[in-house]
Protein backbone atom coordinates (compact mmCIF):
# COMPACT_ATOMS: atom_id res chain seq x y z
CA MET A 1 -9.89 -50.71 18.37
CA ILE A 2 -7.31 -50.85 16.24
CA ASP A 3 -9.07 -51.21 12.89
CA ILE A 4 -11.07 -48.09 14.35
CA ASP A 5 -8.14 -45.83 15.23
CA ASP A 6 -6.30 -46.69 11.53
CA SER A 7 -9.42 -45.91 9.60
CA ARG A 8 -9.50 -42.53 11.29
CA GLY A 9 -5.97 -42.06 10.84
CA ASP A 10 -6.27 -42.37 6.93
CA GLN A 11 -9.39 -40.19 6.82
CA GLY A 12 -7.37 -37.48 8.06
CA SER A 13 -4.35 -37.77 6.76
CA GLY A 14 -4.91 -39.31 3.29
CA ILE A 15 -2.54 -41.76 1.63
CA GLY A 16 0.88 -41.87 2.88
CA GLY A 17 0.33 -39.19 5.32
CA THR A 18 -0.63 -36.62 2.81
CA ALA A 19 -3.61 -33.80 3.12
CA PRO A 20 -6.72 -34.98 0.48
CA PRO A 21 -6.62 -32.80 -2.52
CA GLU A 22 -9.69 -31.05 -1.32
CA ARG A 23 -7.72 -29.65 1.82
CA VAL A 24 -4.90 -28.47 -0.33
CA TRP A 25 -6.92 -26.89 -2.77
CA SER A 26 -8.82 -24.64 -0.21
CA ARG A 27 -5.15 -23.11 1.22
CA PRO A 28 -5.36 -19.77 0.17
CA VAL A 29 -1.74 -20.02 -0.88
CA VAL A 30 -2.18 -22.66 -3.37
CA ARG A 31 -5.47 -20.94 -4.84
CA ARG A 32 -3.23 -17.56 -5.66
CA LEU A 33 -0.43 -19.55 -7.26
CA ALA A 34 -2.67 -21.36 -9.40
CA PHE A 35 -4.50 -18.29 -10.08
CA PHE A 36 -1.36 -16.62 -11.01
CA LEU A 37 -0.14 -19.62 -12.90
CA LEU A 38 -3.75 -19.35 -15.00
CA LEU A 39 -3.05 -15.45 -15.50
CA ALA A 40 0.49 -16.11 -16.99
CA ALA A 41 -1.04 -19.26 -19.33
CA GLY A 42 -3.51 -16.70 -20.66
CA TRP A 43 -0.67 -14.01 -21.29
CA GLU A 44 1.15 -16.28 -23.27
CA ALA A 45 -1.68 -17.52 -25.12
CA LEU A 46 -2.56 -14.05 -26.04
CA PHE A 47 0.81 -13.41 -27.22
CA ARG A 48 1.35 -16.28 -29.09
CA LEU A 49 -2.25 -15.49 -31.06
CA GLY A 50 -0.49 -12.45 -32.63
CA LEU A 51 -3.16 -9.93 -32.26
CA TRP A 52 -0.64 -7.51 -31.44
CA PRO A 53 2.74 -6.73 -32.43
CA PRO A 54 5.80 -7.72 -29.77
CA TYR A 55 6.40 -3.98 -29.09
CA LEU A 56 3.01 -3.41 -27.81
CA PHE A 57 2.24 -6.65 -26.15
CA PRO A 58 5.40 -8.50 -25.15
CA SER A 59 5.21 -12.15 -23.85
CA PRO A 60 5.92 -13.25 -20.05
CA SER A 61 9.31 -14.86 -21.27
CA GLY A 62 10.56 -11.51 -22.83
CA VAL A 63 9.15 -9.65 -19.30
CA ALA A 64 10.95 -12.46 -17.29
CA ARG A 65 14.49 -11.80 -19.07
CA THR A 66 14.06 -8.31 -19.12
CA LEU A 67 13.61 -8.49 -15.18
CA ALA A 68 16.81 -10.95 -14.75
CA ARG A 69 18.76 -8.57 -16.73
CA GLY A 70 17.72 -5.39 -14.97
CA PHE A 71 18.55 -7.14 -11.54
CA GLU A 72 22.09 -8.38 -12.70
CA ASN A 73 23.28 -5.03 -13.82
CA ARG A 74 21.42 -3.31 -10.67
CA THR A 75 19.20 -1.04 -12.44
CA PHE A 76 16.25 -2.21 -11.00
CA ILE A 77 17.95 -2.44 -7.74
CA ILE A 78 19.05 0.77 -7.75
CA GLY A 79 15.77 2.09 -9.06
CA ILE A 80 13.64 0.38 -6.28
CA ALA A 81 16.07 1.79 -3.48
CA VAL A 82 15.84 5.80 -4.65
CA SER A 83 11.94 5.12 -4.90
CA MET A 84 11.66 3.47 -1.58
CA ARG A 85 14.13 5.81 0.29
CA ARG A 86 11.54 8.47 -1.16
CA LEU A 87 8.44 6.84 -0.24
CA LEU A 88 9.54 6.40 3.12
CA VAL A 89 10.35 9.77 3.96
CA GLY A 90 7.51 11.28 2.31
CA PHE A 91 5.09 8.61 4.22
CA VAL A 92 6.30 9.26 7.94
CA LEU A 93 6.47 12.66 7.33
CA SER A 94 2.68 12.55 6.11
CA ALA A 95 1.80 10.19 8.87
CA ILE A 96 3.23 12.46 11.60
CA ALA A 97 1.51 15.53 10.39
CA GLY A 98 -1.58 13.62 9.19
CA THR A 99 -2.19 12.17 12.41
CA LEU A 100 -1.52 15.47 14.52
CA LEU A 101 -3.80 17.41 12.10
CA GLY A 102 -6.65 14.53 12.44
CA LEU A 103 -6.66 14.51 16.11
CA GLY A 104 -6.93 18.34 16.08
CA LEU A 105 -9.87 18.06 13.36
CA GLY A 106 -11.36 15.37 15.24
CA ARG A 107 -11.38 17.31 18.75
CA VAL A 108 -11.67 20.92 18.10
CA ARG A 109 -14.76 21.99 16.43
CA LEU A 110 -13.37 25.50 15.41
CA LEU A 111 -10.81 23.74 13.45
CA ASP A 112 -13.54 21.15 11.95
CA GLN A 113 -15.52 23.75 10.77
CA THR A 114 -12.95 25.77 8.87
CA LEU A 115 -9.82 23.58 8.17
CA GLY A 116 -11.98 20.43 7.50
CA ALA A 117 -13.62 22.04 4.98
CA LEU A 118 -10.69 22.70 3.26
CA VAL A 119 -8.88 19.28 3.86
CA LEU A 120 -12.04 17.40 2.58
CA GLY A 121 -11.92 19.48 -0.43
CA LEU A 122 -8.25 19.01 -1.09
CA GLN A 123 -8.84 15.01 -0.69
CA ALA A 124 -10.88 15.15 -3.86
CA LEU A 125 -7.82 16.93 -5.67
CA PRO A 126 -5.52 14.01 -7.38
CA SER A 127 -1.95 14.22 -6.32
CA ILE A 128 -0.68 15.26 -9.95
CA CYS A 129 -2.31 18.34 -9.61
CA TRP A 130 0.25 19.09 -6.72
CA LEU A 131 3.09 18.61 -9.10
CA PRO A 132 3.56 21.94 -11.16
CA LEU A 133 2.70 23.83 -8.06
CA ALA A 134 5.94 21.82 -6.49
CA LEU A 135 7.98 22.53 -9.57
CA LEU A 136 7.27 26.32 -9.01
CA TRP A 137 7.83 26.41 -5.61
CA PHE A 138 11.39 24.12 -5.26
CA GLY A 139 12.17 23.25 -8.77
CA LEU A 140 13.38 20.39 -10.37
CA GLY A 141 14.56 18.56 -6.96
CA GLU A 142 14.29 16.08 -4.58
CA GLN A 143 12.10 18.73 -2.41
CA ALA A 144 9.37 18.56 -5.26
CA ILE A 145 9.14 14.87 -5.30
CA LEU A 146 9.08 14.75 -1.67
CA PHE A 147 6.01 17.41 -1.24
CA VAL A 148 3.86 15.73 -3.96
CA VAL A 149 4.45 12.44 -1.94
CA VAL A 150 3.57 14.00 1.34
CA MET A 151 0.45 16.16 -0.09
CA GLY A 152 -0.87 12.83 -1.76
CA ALA A 153 -0.68 10.74 1.46
CA LEU A 154 -1.15 13.16 4.14
CA LEU A 155 -4.89 13.82 3.48
CA ALA A 156 -5.97 10.69 3.34
CA ILE A 157 -4.33 10.07 6.77
CA THR A 158 -5.71 13.13 8.18
CA LEU A 159 -9.39 12.42 7.23
CA SER A 160 -9.19 9.15 8.68
CA THR A 161 -7.73 9.55 11.77
CA GLN A 162 -10.49 12.47 12.27
CA ALA A 163 -12.98 9.84 11.70
CA GLY A 164 -11.73 7.62 13.92
CA VAL A 165 -11.58 10.13 16.58
CA LYS A 166 -14.79 11.29 16.08
CA ASN A 167 -16.33 7.49 15.83
CA SER A 168 -14.52 6.60 19.02
CA ASP A 169 -16.74 5.48 22.46
CA PRO A 170 -17.62 9.00 24.19
CA VAL A 171 -17.31 6.80 27.50
CA TYR A 172 -13.67 5.98 26.98
CA LEU A 173 -13.13 10.04 26.83
CA ARG A 174 -15.33 10.76 29.99
CA ALA A 175 -13.39 7.49 31.97
CA ALA A 176 -10.18 9.27 31.31
CA LEU A 177 -11.19 12.70 32.22
CA ASN A 178 -12.75 11.49 35.51
CA LEU A 179 -9.66 9.73 36.19
CA GLY A 180 -7.48 13.03 35.45
CA ALA A 181 -5.93 12.74 32.28
CA ARG A 182 -5.27 15.82 30.55
CA GLY A 183 -2.93 17.07 27.58
CA TRP A 184 -0.79 15.35 25.75
CA ARG A 185 -1.78 12.27 27.72
CA LEU A 186 -5.31 12.27 27.05
CA TYR A 187 -4.44 12.29 22.82
CA LEU A 188 -1.63 9.56 22.88
CA LEU A 189 -3.27 6.99 26.06
CA VAL A 190 -6.81 7.12 25.03
CA ILE A 191 -8.13 9.03 21.70
CA LEU A 192 -5.19 7.74 19.70
CA PRO A 193 -5.65 4.04 20.77
CA ALA A 194 -9.52 4.37 20.65
CA ALA A 195 -9.44 5.90 16.68
CA LEU A 196 -6.68 2.81 16.19
CA PRO A 197 -8.43 0.62 13.87
CA ALA A 198 -9.35 3.80 11.75
CA PHE A 199 -5.86 5.22 12.18
CA ILE A 200 -4.35 2.08 10.80
CA SER A 201 -6.78 2.08 7.87
CA GLY A 202 -6.31 5.50 6.89
CA MET A 203 -1.93 4.54 7.16
CA LYS A 204 -2.74 1.90 4.71
CA LEU A 205 -4.72 4.53 2.09
CA GLY A 206 -1.91 6.91 2.85
CA TRP A 207 0.44 4.48 1.82
CA SER A 208 -0.86 3.33 -1.07
CA PHE A 209 -1.63 7.07 -2.18
CA ALA A 210 2.03 7.78 -1.66
CA TRP A 211 2.77 5.12 -3.79
CA ARG A 212 0.81 6.83 -6.73
CA SER A 213 2.08 10.15 -5.92
CA LEU A 214 5.57 9.46 -6.08
CA MET A 215 5.25 7.46 -9.43
CA ALA A 216 3.58 10.36 -10.71
CA ALA A 217 6.21 12.91 -10.03
CA GLU A 218 9.26 10.27 -11.12
CA LEU A 219 7.46 10.14 -14.57
CA LEU A 220 7.70 14.01 -15.64
CA TYR A 221 11.36 14.10 -13.59
CA VAL A 222 14.68 12.65 -14.59
CA SER A 223 15.47 11.08 -10.57
CA LEU A 224 16.67 7.62 -11.06
CA GLY A 225 13.74 5.71 -9.55
CA LEU A 226 11.16 3.25 -10.84
CA GLY A 227 8.99 6.02 -12.67
CA GLN A 228 11.98 7.11 -14.44
CA LEU A 229 12.61 3.46 -15.48
CA LEU A 230 9.49 3.23 -16.87
CA MET A 231 9.58 6.40 -18.63
CA MET A 232 12.65 5.11 -20.17
CA GLY A 233 10.73 2.23 -21.50
CA ARG A 234 8.22 4.21 -23.23
CA GLU A 235 10.69 6.18 -24.68
CA LEU A 236 12.43 3.28 -25.81
CA ASN A 237 9.59 1.46 -27.14
CA ASP A 238 10.57 -1.44 -24.81
CA MET A 239 7.59 -2.75 -23.82
CA ASN A 240 9.19 -5.12 -21.72
CA GLN A 241 10.71 -2.73 -19.39
CA VAL A 242 7.70 -1.36 -18.72
CA VAL A 243 5.90 -4.00 -17.79
CA ALA A 244 8.66 -5.38 -15.90
CA VAL A 245 8.83 -2.50 -13.78
CA MET A 246 5.26 -2.32 -13.42
CA LEU A 247 5.33 -5.50 -11.84
CA ILE A 248 8.37 -4.95 -9.67
CA ILE A 249 5.77 -1.95 -8.34
CA ILE A 250 2.99 -4.19 -7.85
CA ALA A 251 5.20 -6.90 -5.96
CA ILE A 252 6.73 -4.24 -3.54
CA GLY A 253 2.75 -3.28 -2.64
CA LEU A 254 1.98 -6.81 -2.19
CA VAL A 255 4.64 -7.38 -0.13
CA VAL A 256 4.16 -4.41 2.19
CA ASP A 257 0.55 -4.83 2.30
CA ARG A 258 1.03 -8.74 3.38
CA LEU A 259 4.09 -8.04 5.64
CA VAL A 260 3.08 -4.86 7.40
CA PHE A 261 -0.33 -3.76 7.12
CA THR A 262 -2.17 -6.79 6.81
CA PRO A 263 -0.85 -8.43 10.33
CA LEU A 264 -1.15 -5.17 12.12
CA GLU A 265 -5.03 -4.74 10.88
CA THR A 266 -5.66 -8.20 11.89
CA ARG A 267 -4.44 -8.01 15.16
CA VAL A 268 -5.81 -4.57 15.59
CA ARG A 269 -9.28 -5.77 14.61
CA ALA A 270 -8.79 -8.58 17.02
CA ARG A 271 -7.92 -6.84 19.98
CA TRP A 272 -10.99 -4.22 19.23
CA GLY A 273 -13.48 -7.24 19.03
CA LEU A 274 -13.65 -6.25 15.06
CA GLY A 275 -13.02 -9.64 13.48
CA GLU A 276 -12.24 -13.25 14.49
């Protein structure tokens, strides 16, 4: 009996109680780490081949030094803080307006047949197209940037909320009406929860559109944000700074997705029986 138990323990934990290599490699974190290390190695190899001059194709070490210097002198910290403040304000306004508009389009036939067609058409318009209009209306200032961010995220959230309301099970609505639910209670306690999976997907999509809209606006206007740092790197022919700012933008997007939207989507899908 002792020998059998020992053999099972060795098979389950590996030598010295460690996991077998196959089990370690199957972990998503290990695979992602290996992928990014391989990507960095390929980047370094291309740099050493000298196919492009350093001012066009920087090295990983040069970008790393620029990142360290930017955080040390607080340039990147200020840029992140300014951009995130604009992004959060614009996204909150877009989420509130888009949710209300989506609920109205999903429930009121007249709005869907009139305003819904306009919203659907405007969704095909790139967010950068709103910038000239914003500059004419609000001038060179924070309001113009905020307007571009709101318009970039508003339509995606509206259409996703509308689709979620239309695709909800009508049994929920009939049951709520039979139980006496009316007015704002019907929307807040029945319709919106039923449309929650599509609503969360719309929020995630709206966040990404808000990021793109913000960077487009900051690239064309001196605004102390990450977009301005990106433009300064281009004007100074400093590709290390350009790539460093791009990496910061990517990192922020990944962190927000992993810490906010992915756990929220997982819980909602599990609650609604849409995934394991």
